[in-house]
């Protein structure tokens, strides 16, 4: 595994995080509408705990965003080129540590269907399914990380 650092994202990371979301292979085909025009804005990054995994050259390998007030994992992405290197697992371990430090007992995840197995492998439990709504035309698994 390459030398990985997980650090707090800054507004300067906005463009790179947005590019990671928009180019994710997980959001091609039927799922493309979810990331079309999506932006991880600087104000969002400054307002929420957003953490980014970078290599020794500060290349973005993945990131997550935790909504503390809602006790919810809002975003979690790993660059296509970094899939299978354990980056996602490191990010989820970091996220649960941050959630615990914030006094949360659990963190809700409404998952992209192809990502459900990843969340289950990293310690989440399935709690239900959200039906299609709005521009989302597929059911989404709902999961929970117990962190207390």
C-alpha atoms as a PDB file:
ATOM      1  CA  UNK A   1       0.000   0.000   0.000  1.00  0.00           C
ATOM      2  CA  UNK A   2       1.347   3.452  -0.829  1.00  0.00           C
ATOM      3  CA  UNK A   3       2.165   5.970   1.920  1.00  0.00           C
ATOM      4  CA  UNK A   4      -1.285   7.311   2.854  1.00  0.00           C
ATOM      5  CA  UNK A   5      -2.219  10.349   4.919  1.00  0.00           C
ATOM      6  CA  UNK A   6      -5.766  11.193   5.950  1.00  0.00           C
ATOM      7  CA  UNK A   7      -6.160  14.908   6.503  1.00  0.00           C
ATOM      8  CA  UNK A   8      -8.964  17.421   6.858  1.00  0.00           C
ATOM      9  CA  UNK A   9     -10.009  18.668   3.435  1.00  0.00           C
ATOM     10  CA  UNK A  10      -9.907  22.390   2.688  1.00  0.00           C
ATOM     11  CA  UNK A  11     -11.830  24.525   0.230  1.00  0.00           C
ATOM     12  CA  UNK A  12      -8.776  24.268  -2.041  1.00  0.00           C
ATOM     13  CA  UNK A  13      -9.566  20.543  -2.444  1.00  0.00           C
ATOM     14  CA  UNK A  14     -13.009  21.287  -3.900  1.00  0.00           C
ATOM     15  CA  UNK A  15     -12.086  20.863  -7.555  1.00  0.00           C
ATOM     16  CA  UNK A  16     -10.227  17.589  -6.997  1.00  0.00           C
ATOM     17  CA  UNK A  17     -13.002  16.079  -4.857  1.00  0.00           C
ATOM     18  CA  UNK A  18     -15.625  17.162  -7.383  1.00  0.00           C
ATOM     19  CA  UNK A  19     -13.626  15.540 -10.191  1.00  0.00           C
ATOM     20  CA  UNK A  20     -13.335  12.295  -8.184  1.00  0.00           C
ATOM     21  CA  UNK A  21     -17.127  12.194  -7.722  1.00  0.00           C
ATOM     22  CA  UNK A  22     -17.967  13.046 -11.332  1.00  0.00           C
ATOM     23  CA  UNK A  23     -15.530  10.540 -12.844  1.00  0.00           C
ATOM     24  CA  UNK A  24     -16.333   7.625 -10.523  1.00  0.00           C
ATOM     25  CA  UNK A  25     -16.907   4.406 -12.483  1.00  0.00           C
ATOM     26  CA  UNK A  26     -19.542   3.482  -9.877  1.00  0.00           C
ATOM     27  CA  UNK A  27     -21.773   6.219 -11.276  1.00  0.00           C
ATOM     28  CA  UNK A  28     -21.918   5.279 -14.935  1.00  0.00           C
ATOM     29  CA  UNK A  29     -24.943   4.072 -16.839  1.00  0.00           C
ATOM     30  CA  UNK A  30     -28.216   4.310 -14.935  1.00  0.00           C
ATOM     31  CA  UNK A  31     -26.477   5.982 -11.982  1.00  0.00           C
ATOM     32  CA  UNK A  32     -24.841   8.806 -13.987  1.00  0.00           C
ATOM     33  CA  UNK A  33     -27.682  11.236 -13.213  1.00  0.00           C
ATOM     34  CA  UNK A  34     -26.667  11.190  -9.538  1.00  0.00           C
ATOM     35  CA  UNK A  35     -23.332  12.905 -10.175  1.00  0.00           C
ATOM     36  CA  UNK A  36     -24.146  14.921 -13.276  1.00  0.00           C
ATOM     37  CA  UNK A  37     -23.221  18.475 -12.358  1.00  0.00           C
ATOM     38  CA  UNK A  38     -22.472  17.503  -8.747  1.00  0.00           C
ATOM     39  CA  UNK A  39     -20.039  19.741  -6.910  1.00  0.00           C
ATOM     40  CA  UNK A  40     -18.237  19.299  -3.616  1.00  0.00           C
ATOM     41  CA  UNK A  41     -18.085  23.008  -2.894  1.00  0.00           C
ATOM     42  CA  UNK A  42     -15.634  24.885  -0.740  1.00  0.00           C
ATOM     43  CA  UNK A  43     -18.381  26.079   1.618  1.00  0.00           C
ATOM     44  CA  UNK A  44     -19.557  22.467   2.095  1.00  0.00           C
ATOM     45  CA  UNK A  45     -15.989  21.360   2.864  1.00  0.00           C
ATOM     46  CA  UNK A  46     -15.471  24.181   5.356  1.00  0.00           C
ATOM     47  CA  UNK A  47     -18.812  23.533   7.092  1.00  0.00           C
ATOM     48  CA  UNK A  48     -18.679  19.725   7.457  1.00  0.00           C
ATOM     49  CA  UNK A  49     -15.982  17.305   8.552  1.00  0.00           C
ATOM     50  CA  UNK A  50     -14.602  16.245   5.178  1.00  0.00           C
ATOM     51  CA  UNK A  51     -11.452  14.151   5.239  1.00  0.00           C
ATOM     52  CA  UNK A  52      -9.292  13.205   2.285  1.00  0.00           C
ATOM     53  CA  UNK A  53      -6.823  10.351   1.828  1.00  0.00           C
ATOM     54  CA  UNK A  54      -3.743  11.436  -0.110  1.00  0.00           C
ATOM     55  CA  UNK A  55      -0.526   9.768  -1.136  1.00  0.00           C
ATOM     56  CA  UNK A  56       2.984  11.178  -0.645  1.00  0.00           C
ATOM     57  CA  UNK A  57       2.512  13.441  -3.678  1.00  0.00           C
ATOM     58  CA  UNK A  58      -0.796  14.824  -2.306  1.00  0.00           C
ATOM     59  CA  UNK A  59      -2.719  12.883  -4.962  1.00  0.00           C
ATOM     60  CA  UNK A  60      -6.323  12.380  -3.812  1.00  0.00           C
ATOM     61  CA  UNK A  61      -7.068   8.686  -3.316  1.00  0.00           C
ATOM     62  CA  UNK A  62     -10.458   9.065  -1.641  1.00  0.00           C
ATOM     63  CA  UNK A  63     -12.517  11.099   0.779  1.00  0.00           C
ATOM     64  CA  UNK A  64     -15.574  11.101   3.001  1.00  0.00           C
ATOM     65  CA  UNK A  65     -17.931  13.684   4.458  1.00  0.00           C
ATOM     66  CA  UNK A  66     -19.601  13.191   7.830  1.00  0.00           C
ATOM     67  CA  UNK A  67     -22.688  15.209   8.744  1.00  0.00           C
ATOM     68  CA  UNK A  68     -22.298  15.317  12.518  1.00  0.00           C
ATOM     69  CA  UNK A  69     -25.628  17.037  13.262  1.00  0.00           C
ATOM     70  CA  UNK A  70     -27.482  14.355  11.276  1.00  0.00           C
ATOM     71  CA  UNK A  71     -25.153  11.512  12.324  1.00  0.00           C
ATOM     72  CA  UNK A  72     -24.888  10.534   8.660  1.00  0.00           C
ATOM     73  CA  UNK A  73     -22.145   9.663   6.216  1.00  0.00           C
ATOM     74  CA  UNK A  74     -22.994  11.961   3.319  1.00  0.00           C
ATOM     75  CA  UNK A  75     -20.241  11.160   0.827  1.00  0.00           C
ATOM     76  CA  UNK A  76     -17.601   8.460   0.506  1.00  0.00           C
ATOM     77  CA  UNK A  77     -15.538   7.936  -2.630  1.00  0.00           C
ATOM     78  CA  UNK A  78     -12.327   6.154  -3.539  1.00  0.00           C
ATOM     79  CA  UNK A  79     -10.587   7.003  -6.810  1.00  0.00           C
ATOM     80  CA  UNK A  80     -11.011   4.280  -9.425  1.00  0.00           C
ATOM     81  CA  UNK A  81      -7.212   3.935  -9.644  1.00  0.00           C
ATOM     82  CA  UNK A  82      -7.005   3.339  -5.871  1.00  0.00           C
ATOM     83  CA  UNK A  83      -9.743   0.687  -5.610  1.00  0.00           C
ATOM     84  CA  UNK A  84      -8.660  -2.479  -3.823  1.00  0.00           C
ATOM     85  CA  UNK A  85      -5.782  -0.849  -1.912  1.00  0.00           C
ATOM     86  CA  UNK A  86      -7.592  -0.591   1.420  1.00  0.00           C
ATOM     87  CA  UNK A  87      -8.219   3.165   1.109  1.00  0.00           C
ATOM     88  CA  UNK A  88     -11.962   2.812   1.662  1.00  0.00           C
ATOM     89  CA  UNK A  89     -11.430   0.708   4.780  1.00  0.00           C
ATOM     90  CA  UNK A  90      -8.972   3.299   6.156  1.00  0.00           C
ATOM     91  CA  UNK A  91     -11.470   6.072   5.474  1.00  0.00           C
ATOM     92  CA  UNK A  92     -14.308   4.214   7.216  1.00  0.00           C
ATOM     93  CA  UNK A  93     -12.096   3.463  10.233  1.00  0.00           C
ATOM     94  CA  UNK A  94     -11.192   7.156  10.362  1.00  0.00           C
ATOM     95  CA  UNK A  95     -14.843   8.181   9.963  1.00  0.00           C
ATOM     96  CA  UNK A  96     -16.001   5.981  12.825  1.00  0.00           C
ATOM     97  CA  UNK A  97     -13.237   7.413  15.014  1.00  0.00           C
ATOM     98  CA  UNK A  98     -14.315  10.958  14.156  1.00  0.00           C
ATOM     99  CA  UNK A  99     -17.947  10.084  14.840  1.00  0.00           C
ATOM    100  CA  UNK A 100     -17.049   8.566  18.205  1.00  0.00           C
ATOM    101  CA  UNK A 101     -14.974  11.650  19.108  1.00  0.00           C
ATOM    102  CA  UNK A 102     -17.982  13.832  18.214  1.00  0.00           C
ATOM    103  CA  UNK A 103     -20.104  11.863  20.688  1.00  0.00           C
ATOM    104  CA  UNK A 104     -22.170   9.984  18.128  1.00  0.00           C
ATOM    105  CA  UNK A 105     -23.443   6.517  18.937  1.00  0.00           C
ATOM    106  CA  UNK A 106     -24.147   5.508  15.335  1.00  0.00           C
ATOM    107  CA  UNK A 107     -23.762   6.841  11.801  1.00  0.00           C
ATOM    108  CA  UNK A 108     -26.445   6.346   9.154  1.00  0.00           C
ATOM    109  CA  UNK A 109     -25.530   5.551   5.559  1.00  0.00           C
ATOM    110  CA  UNK A 110     -27.899   5.685   2.604  1.00  0.00           C
ATOM    111  CA  UNK A 111     -25.794   3.766   0.135  1.00  0.00           C
ATOM    112  CA  UNK A 112     -25.327   3.681  -3.575  1.00  0.00           C
ATOM    113  CA  UNK A 113     -26.549   0.114  -4.308  1.00  0.00           C
ATOM    114  CA  UNK A 114     -23.226  -1.172  -5.718  1.00  0.00           C
ATOM    115  CA  UNK A 115     -21.449   0.083  -2.558  1.00  0.00           C
ATOM    116  CA  UNK A 116     -23.576  -1.850  -0.078  1.00  0.00           C
ATOM    117  CA  UNK A 117     -21.211  -4.825   0.120  1.00  0.00           C
ATOM    118  CA  UNK A 118     -18.292  -2.506   0.861  1.00  0.00           C
ATOM    119  CA  UNK A 119     -20.144  -0.929   3.790  1.00  0.00           C
ATOM    120  CA  UNK A 120     -21.124  -4.349   5.125  1.00  0.00           C
ATOM    121  CA  UNK A 121     -17.501  -5.562   4.881  1.00  0.00           C
ATOM    122  CA  UNK A 122     -16.318  -2.508   6.829  1.00  0.00           C
ATOM    123  CA  UNK A 123     -18.691  -3.014   9.754  1.00  0.00           C
ATOM    124  CA  UNK A 124     -22.013  -1.448   8.820  1.00  0.00           C
ATOM    125  CA  UNK A 125     -25.280  -3.314   9.341  1.00  0.00           C
ATOM    126  CA  UNK A 126     -28.257  -3.084   7.023  1.00  0.00           C
ATOM    127  CA  UNK A 127     -31.252  -1.392   8.601  1.00  0.00           C
ATOM    128  CA  UNK A 128     -33.639  -1.065   5.672  1.00  0.00           C
ATOM    129  CA  UNK A 129     -34.227   0.129   2.138  1.00  0.00           C
ATOM    130  CA  UNK A 130     -35.283   3.548   0.901  1.00  0.00           C
ATOM    131  CA  UNK A 131     -37.675   3.405  -2.068  1.00  0.00           C
ATOM    132  CA  UNK A 132     -37.037   5.354  -5.277  1.00  0.00           C
ATOM    133  CA  UNK A 133     -37.823   9.055  -4.985  1.00  0.00           C
ATOM    134  CA  UNK A 134     -37.372  12.116  -7.179  1.00  0.00           C
ATOM    135  CA  UNK A 135     -34.607  11.691  -9.727  1.00  0.00           C
ATOM    136  CA  UNK A 136     -33.416   8.515  -7.967  1.00  0.00           C
ATOM    137  CA  UNK A 137     -35.154   5.652  -9.766  1.00  0.00           C
ATOM    138  CA  UNK A 138     -33.790   2.782  -7.710  1.00  0.00           C
ATOM    139  CA  UNK A 139     -34.072   1.535  -4.140  1.00  0.00           C
ATOM    140  CA  UNK A 140     -31.149   2.436  -1.865  1.00  0.00           C
ATOM    141  CA  UNK A 141     -29.903   0.325   1.018  1.00  0.00           C
ATOM    142  CA  UNK A 142     -29.899   2.023   4.398  1.00  0.00           C
ATOM    143  CA  UNK A 143     -27.137   0.988   6.788  1.00  0.00           C
ATOM    144  CA  UNK A 144     -25.659   1.958  10.142  1.00  0.00           C
ATOM    145  CA  UNK A 145     -22.211   1.977  11.701  1.00  0.00           C
ATOM    146  CA  UNK A 146     -22.399   1.565  15.474  1.00  0.00           C
ATOM    147  CA  UNK A 147     -19.552   3.650  16.846  1.00  0.00           C
ATOM    148  CA  UNK A 148     -20.243   4.049  20.592  1.00  0.00           C
END
